[in-house]
Amino acid sequence: MFLIIPIVILYALKLLEVSFMEQVSWWWINGLAFAAFIWFEFLERMFGLDKRKDDMHHKKMHAERMKRSFKEGKKK
């Protein structure tokens, strides 16, 4: 998300031809969009930064908590 919002803003500024953005080439903005695509599709997964690993950890913690609560419930 930290890459998408600035890219959308840059696209809007370029389309509206705001002062300094008139001279900026479309290649720079499209290059940033391509870099964001590469990051989110490949590099994030390669480095393990996607949410899957985190979600699995939370599911495991939830399952352990449920087991403990049921064991405590049977003891009482």
C-alpha atoms as a PDB file:
ATOM      1  CA  MET A   1       0.000   0.000   0.000  1.00  0.00           C
ATOM      2  CA  PHE A   2       2.943   2.276   0.668  1.00  0.00           C
ATOM      3  CA  LEU A   3       3.757   2.148  -3.049  1.00  0.00           C
ATOM      4  CA  ILE A   4       0.270   2.210  -4.529  1.00  0.00           C
ATOM      5  CA  ILE A   5      -0.965   5.514  -3.078  1.00  0.00           C
ATOM      6  CA  PRO A   6       2.006   7.615  -4.321  1.00  0.00           C
ATOM      7  CA  ILE A   7       1.744   6.005  -7.761  1.00  0.00           C
ATOM      8  CA  VAL A   8      -1.957   6.867  -7.999  1.00  0.00           C
ATOM      9  CA  ILE A   9      -1.179  10.432  -6.931  1.00  0.00           C
ATOM     10  CA  LEU A  10       1.589  10.689  -9.529  1.00  0.00           C
ATOM     11  CA  TYR A  11      -0.758   9.400 -12.241  1.00  0.00           C
ATOM     12  CA  ALA A  12      -3.379  11.970 -11.252  1.00  0.00           C
ATOM     13  CA  LEU A  13      -0.827  14.804 -11.213  1.00  0.00           C
ATOM     14  CA  LYS A  14       0.494  13.771 -14.609  1.00  0.00           C
ATOM     15  CA  LEU A  15      -2.982  13.536 -16.143  1.00  0.00           C
ATOM     16  CA  LEU A  16      -3.922  16.946 -14.734  1.00  0.00           C
ATOM     17  CA  GLU A  17      -0.563  18.325 -15.946  1.00  0.00           C
ATOM     18  CA  VAL A  18       0.319  19.972 -12.642  1.00  0.00           C
ATOM     19  CA  SER A  19       3.354  22.287 -12.901  1.00  0.00           C
ATOM     20  CA  PHE A  20       6.414  20.081 -12.334  1.00  0.00           C
ATOM     21  CA  MET A  21       4.730  16.915 -13.573  1.00  0.00           C
ATOM     22  CA  GLU A  22       4.469  18.255 -17.127  1.00  0.00           C
ATOM     23  CA  GLN A  23       8.155  17.597 -17.710  1.00  0.00           C
ATOM     24  CA  VAL A  24       8.199  14.157 -16.065  1.00  0.00           C
ATOM     25  CA  SER A  25       8.059  11.324 -18.562  1.00  0.00           C
ATOM     26  CA  TRP A  26       5.361   8.664 -18.383  1.00  0.00           C
ATOM     27  CA  TRP A  27       8.170   6.112 -18.324  1.00  0.00           C
ATOM     28  CA  TRP A  28       9.114   7.124 -14.768  1.00  0.00           C
ATOM     29  CA  ILE A  29       5.597   6.704 -13.441  1.00  0.00           C
ATOM     30  CA  ASN A  30       5.007   3.462 -15.329  1.00  0.00           C
ATOM     31  CA  GLY A  31       8.405   2.238 -14.125  1.00  0.00           C
ATOM     32  CA  LEU A  32       7.340   2.829 -10.528  1.00  0.00           C
ATOM     33  CA  ALA A  33       4.090   0.976 -11.167  1.00  0.00           C
ATOM     34  CA  PHE A  34       6.034  -1.935 -12.670  1.00  0.00           C
ATOM     35  CA  ALA A  35       8.407  -1.948  -9.688  1.00  0.00           C
ATOM     36  CA  ALA A  36       5.406  -2.105  -7.332  1.00  0.00           C
ATOM     37  CA  PHE A  37       3.978  -4.998  -9.348  1.00  0.00           C
ATOM     38  CA  ILE A  38       7.269  -6.909  -9.147  1.00  0.00           C
ATOM     39  CA  TRP A  39       7.497  -6.215  -5.415  1.00  0.00           C
ATOM     40  CA  PHE A  40       3.983  -7.395  -4.551  1.00  0.00           C
ATOM     41  CA  GLU A  41       3.925 -10.389  -6.897  1.00  0.00           C
ATOM     42  CA  PHE A  42       7.401 -11.848  -6.452  1.00  0.00           C
ATOM     43  CA  LEU A  43       9.757 -10.241  -3.954  1.00  0.00           C
ATOM     44  CA  GLU A  44       7.311 -10.042  -1.073  1.00  0.00           C
ATOM     45  CA  ARG A  45       6.652 -13.773  -1.305  1.00  0.00           C
ATOM     46  CA  MET A  46      10.327 -14.556  -1.788  1.00  0.00           C
ATOM     47  CA  PHE A  47      11.266 -12.683   1.392  1.00  0.00           C
ATOM     48  CA  GLY A  48       8.297 -14.090   3.309  1.00  0.00           C
ATOM     49  CA  LEU A  49       6.744 -10.703   3.948  1.00  0.00           C
ATOM     50  CA  ASP A  50       3.274 -11.652   2.827  1.00  0.00           C
ATOM     51  CA  LYS A  51       0.543 -12.279   5.344  1.00  0.00           C
ATOM     52  CA  ARG A  52       0.306 -16.025   4.861  1.00  0.00           C
ATOM     53  CA  LYS A  53       3.041 -16.830   7.342  1.00  0.00           C
ATOM     54  CA  ASP A  54       1.583 -14.430   9.880  1.00  0.00           C
ATOM     55  CA  ASP A  55      -1.927 -15.801   9.402  1.00  0.00           C
ATOM     56  CA  MET A  56      -0.731 -19.360   9.931  1.00  0.00           C
ATOM     57  CA  HIS A  57       0.967 -18.289  13.178  1.00  0.00           C
ATOM     58  CA  HIS A  58      -2.243 -16.672  14.433  1.00  0.00           C
ATOM     59  CA  LYS A  59      -4.325 -19.722  13.509  1.00  0.00           C
ATOM     60  CA  LYS A  60      -1.901 -21.945  15.397  1.00  0.00           C
ATOM     61  CA  MET A  61      -2.058 -19.688  18.460  1.00  0.00           C
ATOM     62  CA  HIS A  62      -5.865 -19.700  18.281  1.00  0.00           C
ATOM     63  CA  ALA A  63      -5.984 -23.508  18.079  1.00  0.00           C
ATOM     64  CA  GLU A  64      -3.651 -23.844  21.083  1.00  0.00           C
ATOM     65  CA  ARG A  65      -5.741 -21.373  23.081  1.00  0.00           C
ATOM     66  CA  MET A  66      -8.915 -23.279  22.256  1.00  0.00           C
ATOM     67  CA  LYS A  67      -7.333 -26.568  23.356  1.00  0.00           C
ATOM     68  CA  ARG A  68      -6.240 -25.028  26.666  1.00  0.00           C
ATOM     69  CA  SER A  69      -9.641 -23.504  27.343  1.00  0.00           C
ATOM     70  CA  PHE A  70     -11.447 -26.814  26.694  1.00  0.00           C
ATOM     71  CA  LYS A  71      -9.022 -28.695  28.948  1.00  0.00           C
ATOM     72  CA  GLU A  72      -9.583 -26.156  31.731  1.00  0.00           C
ATOM     73  CA  GLY A  73     -13.339 -26.403  31.234  1.00  0.00           C
ATOM     74  CA  LYS A  74     -13.286 -30.174  31.710  1.00  0.00           C
ATOM     75  CA  LYS A  75     -11.281 -29.897  34.939  1.00  0.00           C
ATOM     76  CA  LYS A  76     -13.856 -27.635  36.632  1.00  0.00           C
END
